[in-house]
Amino acid sequence: MVSLVAFAVFGVEEIGLEIENPFGCDRNDLPLNGICQTMERNIQDLMTLTPSIEANEQQPWQITTLQ
């Protein structure tokens, strides 16, 4: 019984150590390089798009002035 409880306690301790530091190069760490590369690709794609509205067209978020 003692060894079963000790195994559970040590397992919880090991899990805590792994989640405490998710950044690094271990197999089970977060893939930050891949995430950053995907974000960079998406931003580059968004920067190449042209606006689909006319420059003088009123937008819903713009405040209209009273005349």
C-alpha atoms as a PDB file:
ATOM      1  CA  MET A   1       0.000   0.000   0.000  1.00  0.00           C
ATOM      2  CA  VAL A   2       2.852   2.354   0.868  1.00  0.00           C
ATOM      3  CA  SER A   3       4.586   1.753  -2.442  1.00  0.00           C
ATOM      4  CA  LEU A   4       1.344   2.439  -4.361  1.00  0.00           C
ATOM      5  CA  VAL A   5       0.849   5.769  -2.561  1.00  0.00           C
ATOM      6  CA  ALA A   6       4.525   6.663  -3.043  1.00  0.00           C
ATOM      7  CA  PHE A   7       4.262   5.865  -6.762  1.00  0.00           C
ATOM      8  CA  ALA A   8       1.223   8.167  -7.067  1.00  0.00           C
ATOM      9  CA  VAL A   9       2.902  10.991  -5.126  1.00  0.00           C
ATOM     10  CA  PHE A  10       6.104  10.767  -7.158  1.00  0.00           C
ATOM     11  CA  GLY A  11       4.060  10.682 -10.357  1.00  0.00           C
ATOM     12  CA  VAL A  12       2.214  13.854  -9.403  1.00  0.00           C
ATOM     13  CA  GLU A  13       5.556  15.475  -8.538  1.00  0.00           C
ATOM     14  CA  GLU A  14       6.999  14.558 -11.949  1.00  0.00           C
ATOM     15  CA  ILE A  15       3.923  15.911 -13.726  1.00  0.00           C
ATOM     16  CA  GLY A  16       4.300  19.170 -11.799  1.00  0.00           C
ATOM     17  CA  LEU A  17       7.932  19.473 -12.841  1.00  0.00           C
ATOM     18  CA  GLU A  18       7.045  18.951 -16.500  1.00  0.00           C
ATOM     19  CA  ILE A  19       4.258  21.546 -16.589  1.00  0.00           C
ATOM     20  CA  GLU A  20       6.322  24.008 -14.579  1.00  0.00           C
ATOM     21  CA  ASN A  21       8.658  24.647 -17.519  1.00  0.00           C
ATOM     22  CA  PRO A  22       6.922  24.009 -20.882  1.00  0.00           C
ATOM     23  CA  PHE A  23       9.596  25.790 -22.938  1.00  0.00           C
ATOM     24  CA  GLY A  24      12.668  24.005 -24.150  1.00  0.00           C
ATOM     25  CA  CYS A  25      13.840  21.399 -26.619  1.00  0.00           C
ATOM     26  CA  ASP A  26      12.560  18.214 -24.998  1.00  0.00           C
ATOM     27  CA  ARG A  27      10.199  15.922 -26.886  1.00  0.00           C
ATOM     28  CA  ASN A  28       7.185  16.938 -24.805  1.00  0.00           C
ATOM     29  CA  ASP A  29       7.830  20.726 -24.735  1.00  0.00           C
ATOM     30  CA  LEU A  30       5.783  23.254 -26.658  1.00  0.00           C
ATOM     31  CA  PRO A  31       6.824  23.596 -30.332  1.00  0.00           C
ATOM     32  CA  LEU A  32       7.465  27.354 -30.127  1.00  0.00           C
ATOM     33  CA  ASN A  33       9.578  27.488 -33.292  1.00  0.00           C
ATOM     34  CA  GLY A  34       6.770  25.971 -35.339  1.00  0.00           C
ATOM     35  CA  ILE A  35       4.162  28.230 -33.766  1.00  0.00           C
ATOM     36  CA  CYS A  36       6.258  31.344 -34.479  1.00  0.00           C
ATOM     37  CA  GLN A  37       6.946  30.273 -38.073  1.00  0.00           C
ATOM     38  CA  THR A  38       3.218  29.731 -38.671  1.00  0.00           C
ATOM     39  CA  MET A  39       2.420  33.154 -37.221  1.00  0.00           C
ATOM     40  CA  GLU A  40       5.092  34.780 -39.394  1.00  0.00           C
ATOM     41  CA  ARG A  41       3.728  33.080 -42.540  1.00  0.00           C
ATOM     42  CA  ASN A  42       0.179  34.172 -41.699  1.00  0.00           C
ATOM     43  CA  ILE A  43       1.244  37.768 -41.091  1.00  0.00           C
ATOM     44  CA  GLN A  44       3.212  37.841 -44.346  1.00  0.00           C
ATOM     45  CA  ASP A  45       0.140  36.535 -46.191  1.00  0.00           C
ATOM     46  CA  LEU A  46      -2.083  39.173 -44.588  1.00  0.00           C
ATOM     47  CA  MET A  47       0.345  41.952 -45.532  1.00  0.00           C
ATOM     48  CA  THR A  48       0.127  41.003 -49.220  1.00  0.00           C
ATOM     49  CA  LEU A  49      -3.665  41.371 -49.337  1.00  0.00           C
ATOM     50  CA  THR A  50      -5.202  44.497 -50.797  1.00  0.00           C
ATOM     51  CA  PRO A  51      -8.146  46.198 -49.118  1.00  0.00           C
ATOM     52  CA  SER A  52     -11.498  45.235 -50.575  1.00  0.00           C
ATOM     53  CA  ILE A  53     -13.217  48.575 -49.866  1.00  0.00           C
ATOM     54  CA  GLU A  54     -12.974  52.015 -51.365  1.00  0.00           C
ATOM     55  CA  ALA A  55     -10.932  54.542 -49.424  1.00  0.00           C
ATOM     56  CA  ASN A  56     -13.812  57.029 -49.240  1.00  0.00           C
ATOM     57  CA  GLU A  57     -16.438  54.484 -48.212  1.00  0.00           C
ATOM     58  CA  GLN A  58     -17.811  55.004 -44.692  1.00  0.00           C
ATOM     59  CA  GLN A  59     -17.100  52.151 -42.281  1.00  0.00           C
ATOM     60  CA  PRO A  60     -19.424  51.110 -39.417  1.00  0.00           C
ATOM     61  CA  TRP A  61     -16.759  51.760 -36.814  1.00  0.00           C
ATOM     62  CA  GLN A  62     -16.023  55.303 -38.045  1.00  0.00           C
ATOM     63  CA  ILE A  63     -17.847  58.114 -36.323  1.00  0.00           C
ATOM     64  CA  THR A  64     -19.975  60.183 -38.679  1.00  0.00           C
ATOM     65  CA  THR A  65     -19.920  63.931 -38.290  1.00  0.00           C
ATOM     66  CA  LEU A  66     -23.127  65.967 -38.239  1.00  0.00           C
ATOM     67  CA  GLN A  67     -23.423  68.632 -40.912  1.00  0.00           C
END
